């Protein structure tokens, strides 16, 4: 098994019908939880990860001057 050291989520609230799941997650992730913010980078070896949206917030500006996604055909 691969150990999970951090849980990265959007923070904020959840819908009432999902509250039981959120409560279980919050208990399980206690002390290991990171709330992502729009514009933040997430350290991951060999990969550049940038958060573009989190908790209903978006980046204020486009990435790469709004150019095309170079990884997409």
N, C-alpha and C. Protein backbone atom coordinates (compact mmCIF):
# COMPACT_ATOMS: atom_id res chain seq x y z
N UNK A 1 0.83 -1.20 0.00
CA UNK A 1 0.00 0.00 0.00
C UNK A 1 0.87 1.26 0.00
N UNK A 2 0.35 2.29 -0.58
CA UNK A 2 1.03 3.58 -0.60
C UNK A 2 0.43 4.44 0.51
N UNK A 3 1.26 4.94 1.41
CA UNK A 3 0.71 5.77 2.48
C UNK A 3 0.24 7.13 1.96
N UNK A 4 -0.83 7.61 2.51
CA UNK A 4 -1.35 8.93 2.15
C UNK A 4 -0.89 9.90 3.22
N UNK A 5 -0.08 10.88 2.81
CA UNK A 5 0.47 11.83 3.76
C UNK A 5 -0.34 13.11 3.83
N UNK A 6 -1.00 13.49 2.73
CA UNK A 6 -1.77 14.74 2.68
C UNK A 6 -3.05 14.54 1.90
N UNK A 7 -4.08 15.23 2.33
CA UNK A 7 -5.33 15.29 1.60
C UNK A 7 -5.49 16.73 1.13
N UNK A 8 -5.68 16.95 -0.16
CA UNK A 8 -5.84 18.30 -0.70
C UNK A 8 -7.28 18.42 -1.18
N UNK A 9 -7.99 19.41 -0.63
CA UNK A 9 -9.38 19.59 -1.03
C UNK A 9 -9.71 21.06 -1.19
N UNK A 10 -10.95 21.36 -1.56
CA UNK A 10 -11.36 22.72 -1.87
C UNK A 10 -11.80 23.50 -0.64
N UNK A 11 -11.89 22.86 0.51
CA UNK A 11 -12.37 23.57 1.70
C UNK A 11 -13.84 23.87 1.56
N UNK A 12 -14.31 24.83 2.32
CA UNK A 12 -15.70 25.25 2.21
C UNK A 12 -16.69 24.23 2.70
N UNK A 13 -17.91 24.51 2.37
CA UNK A 13 -19.03 23.69 2.83
C UNK A 13 -19.40 22.64 1.78
N UNK A 14 -20.35 21.79 2.15
CA UNK A 14 -20.85 20.79 1.22
C UNK A 14 -22.37 20.75 1.30
N UNK A 15 -22.99 20.10 0.36
CA UNK A 15 -24.43 19.98 0.34
C UNK A 15 -24.89 19.15 1.53
N UNK A 16 -26.09 19.42 2.03
CA UNK A 16 -26.61 18.72 3.20
C UNK A 16 -26.63 17.21 3.01
N UNK A 17 -26.97 16.75 1.81
CA UNK A 17 -27.06 15.30 1.57
C UNK A 17 -25.69 14.61 1.59
N UNK A 18 -24.61 15.38 1.52
CA UNK A 18 -23.26 14.81 1.57
C UNK A 18 -22.54 15.05 2.89
N UNK A 19 -23.23 15.61 3.86
CA UNK A 19 -22.59 15.97 5.12
C UNK A 19 -22.02 14.76 5.87
N UNK A 20 -22.70 13.63 5.82
CA UNK A 20 -22.20 12.43 6.50
C UNK A 20 -20.84 12.03 5.92
N UNK A 21 -20.71 12.08 4.60
CA UNK A 21 -19.44 11.74 3.95
C UNK A 21 -18.36 12.75 4.30
N UNK A 22 -18.73 14.02 4.33
CA UNK A 22 -17.75 15.06 4.67
C UNK A 22 -17.27 14.90 6.11
N UNK A 23 -18.19 14.59 7.02
CA UNK A 23 -17.81 14.40 8.42
C UNK A 23 -16.81 13.25 8.56
N UNK A 24 -17.07 12.15 7.84
CA UNK A 24 -16.16 11.00 7.89
C UNK A 24 -14.80 11.39 7.31
N UNK A 25 -14.80 12.11 6.20
CA UNK A 25 -13.55 12.56 5.57
C UNK A 25 -12.78 13.47 6.52
N UNK A 26 -13.46 14.43 7.14
CA UNK A 26 -12.79 15.37 8.04
C UNK A 26 -12.15 14.63 9.22
N UNK A 27 -12.80 13.61 9.72
CA UNK A 27 -12.23 12.81 10.80
C UNK A 27 -11.00 12.06 10.31
N UNK A 28 -11.11 11.42 9.16
CA UNK A 28 -10.01 10.63 8.61
C UNK A 28 -8.82 11.49 8.21
N UNK A 29 -9.08 12.69 7.67
CA UNK A 29 -8.02 13.56 7.16
C UNK A 29 -7.45 14.51 8.22
N UNK A 30 -7.95 14.44 9.42
CA UNK A 30 -7.52 15.37 10.47
C UNK A 30 -6.00 15.39 10.59
N UNK A 31 -5.43 16.60 10.57
CA UNK A 31 -3.99 16.76 10.70
C UNK A 31 -3.21 16.54 9.42
N UNK A 32 -3.89 16.08 8.36
CA UNK A 32 -3.22 15.81 7.08
C UNK A 32 -3.84 16.61 5.95
N UNK A 33 -4.75 17.49 6.28
CA UNK A 33 -5.55 18.19 5.28
C UNK A 33 -4.93 19.52 4.87
N UNK A 34 -4.93 19.78 3.56
CA UNK A 34 -4.48 21.04 3.00
C UNK A 34 -5.63 21.58 2.16
N UNK A 35 -6.02 22.83 2.40
CA UNK A 35 -7.07 23.47 1.61
C UNK A 35 -6.41 24.20 0.45
N UNK A 36 -6.73 23.78 -0.77
CA UNK A 36 -6.15 24.39 -1.96
C UNK A 36 -6.76 25.77 -2.18
N UNK A 37 -5.95 26.67 -2.69
CA UNK A 37 -6.38 28.03 -3.03
C UNK A 37 -6.10 28.25 -4.51
N UNK A 38 -6.99 28.95 -5.19
CA UNK A 38 -6.78 29.26 -6.60
C UNK A 38 -5.46 30.01 -6.76
N UNK A 39 -4.61 29.52 -7.66
CA UNK A 39 -3.30 30.12 -7.89
C UNK A 39 -2.17 29.42 -7.16
N UNK A 40 -2.51 28.58 -6.20
CA UNK A 40 -1.47 27.87 -5.46
C UNK A 40 -0.83 26.79 -6.33
N UNK A 41 0.39 26.41 -5.98
CA UNK A 41 1.02 25.27 -6.63
C UNK A 41 1.09 24.13 -5.62
N UNK A 42 0.99 22.93 -6.12
CA UNK A 42 1.04 21.74 -5.28
C UNK A 42 2.32 21.00 -5.60
N UNK A 43 3.19 20.82 -4.60
CA UNK A 43 4.46 20.14 -4.88
C UNK A 43 4.24 18.66 -5.19
N UNK A 44 4.67 18.26 -6.37
CA UNK A 44 4.58 16.88 -6.79
C UNK A 44 5.78 16.63 -7.69
N UNK A 45 6.66 15.76 -7.26
CA UNK A 45 7.93 15.54 -7.95
C UNK A 45 7.72 15.24 -9.44
N UNK A 46 8.38 16.05 -10.27
CA UNK A 46 8.36 15.83 -11.71
C UNK A 46 7.14 16.39 -12.43
N UNK A 47 6.24 17.06 -11.71
CA UNK A 47 5.01 17.57 -12.32
C UNK A 47 4.75 18.97 -11.78
N UNK A 48 4.30 19.87 -12.65
CA UNK A 48 3.87 21.19 -12.19
C UNK A 48 2.36 21.16 -12.04
N UNK A 49 1.88 21.35 -10.81
CA UNK A 49 0.45 21.34 -10.54
C UNK A 49 0.06 22.72 -10.04
N UNK A 50 -0.86 23.36 -10.75
CA UNK A 50 -1.34 24.67 -10.33
C UNK A 50 -2.86 24.59 -10.17
N UNK A 51 -3.35 25.09 -9.06
CA UNK A 51 -4.79 25.08 -8.79
C UNK A 51 -5.41 26.25 -9.55
N UNK A 52 -6.38 25.95 -10.41
CA UNK A 52 -7.02 27.02 -11.18
C UNK A 52 -8.38 27.41 -10.59
N UNK A 53 -8.98 26.53 -9.80
CA UNK A 53 -10.26 26.82 -9.17
C UNK A 53 -10.36 26.03 -7.87
N UNK A 54 -10.89 26.69 -6.83
CA UNK A 54 -11.09 26.02 -5.55
C UNK A 54 -12.11 26.82 -4.75
N UNK A 55 -13.05 26.11 -4.16
CA UNK A 55 -14.07 26.72 -3.30
C UNK A 55 -14.75 27.90 -3.99
N UNK A 56 -15.09 27.71 -5.27
CA UNK A 56 -15.79 28.68 -6.10
C UNK A 56 -14.96 29.93 -6.41
N UNK A 57 -13.65 29.87 -6.23
CA UNK A 57 -12.76 30.96 -6.61
C UNK A 57 -11.96 30.52 -7.83
N UNK A 58 -11.72 31.46 -8.74
CA UNK A 58 -10.94 31.19 -9.95
C UNK A 58 -9.69 32.04 -9.96
N UNK A 59 -8.72 31.63 -10.77
CA UNK A 59 -7.54 32.46 -10.98
C UNK A 59 -7.97 33.82 -11.53
N UNK A 60 -7.33 34.89 -11.12
CA UNK A 60 -7.71 36.20 -11.65
C UNK A 60 -7.26 36.40 -13.10
N UNK A 61 -6.25 35.67 -13.54
CA UNK A 61 -5.72 35.80 -14.90
C UNK A 61 -5.57 34.43 -15.53
N UNK A 62 -5.50 34.41 -16.85
CA UNK A 62 -5.32 33.14 -17.55
C UNK A 62 -3.90 32.61 -17.36
N UNK A 63 -3.73 31.35 -17.59
CA UNK A 63 -2.42 30.71 -17.51
C UNK A 63 -1.77 30.80 -18.89
N UNK A 64 -0.49 31.05 -18.96
CA UNK A 64 0.25 31.13 -20.23
C UNK A 64 -0.38 32.14 -21.18
N UNK A 65 -0.81 33.26 -20.65
CA UNK A 65 -1.42 34.33 -21.45
C UNK A 65 -2.63 33.86 -22.24
N UNK A 66 -3.30 32.83 -21.77
CA UNK A 66 -4.51 32.36 -22.43
C UNK A 66 -4.26 31.57 -23.68
N UNK A 67 -3.04 31.16 -23.92
CA UNK A 67 -2.69 30.40 -25.12
C UNK A 67 -3.25 28.99 -25.07
N UNK A 68 -3.05 28.25 -26.15
CA UNK A 68 -3.58 26.88 -26.21
C UNK A 68 -2.84 25.95 -25.25
N UNK A 69 -3.52 24.88 -24.88
CA UNK A 69 -2.92 23.83 -24.06
C UNK A 69 -1.98 23.04 -24.96
N UNK A 70 -0.69 23.17 -24.74
CA UNK A 70 0.32 22.53 -25.60
C UNK A 70 0.33 21.01 -25.48
N UNK A 71 -0.30 20.48 -24.44
CA UNK A 71 -0.33 19.04 -24.25
C UNK A 71 -1.53 18.38 -24.94
N UNK A 72 -2.41 19.20 -25.46
CA UNK A 72 -3.62 18.69 -26.09
C UNK A 72 -3.46 18.73 -27.61
N UNK A 73 -3.84 17.66 -28.27
CA UNK A 73 -3.75 17.58 -29.75
C UNK A 73 -4.86 18.35 -30.39
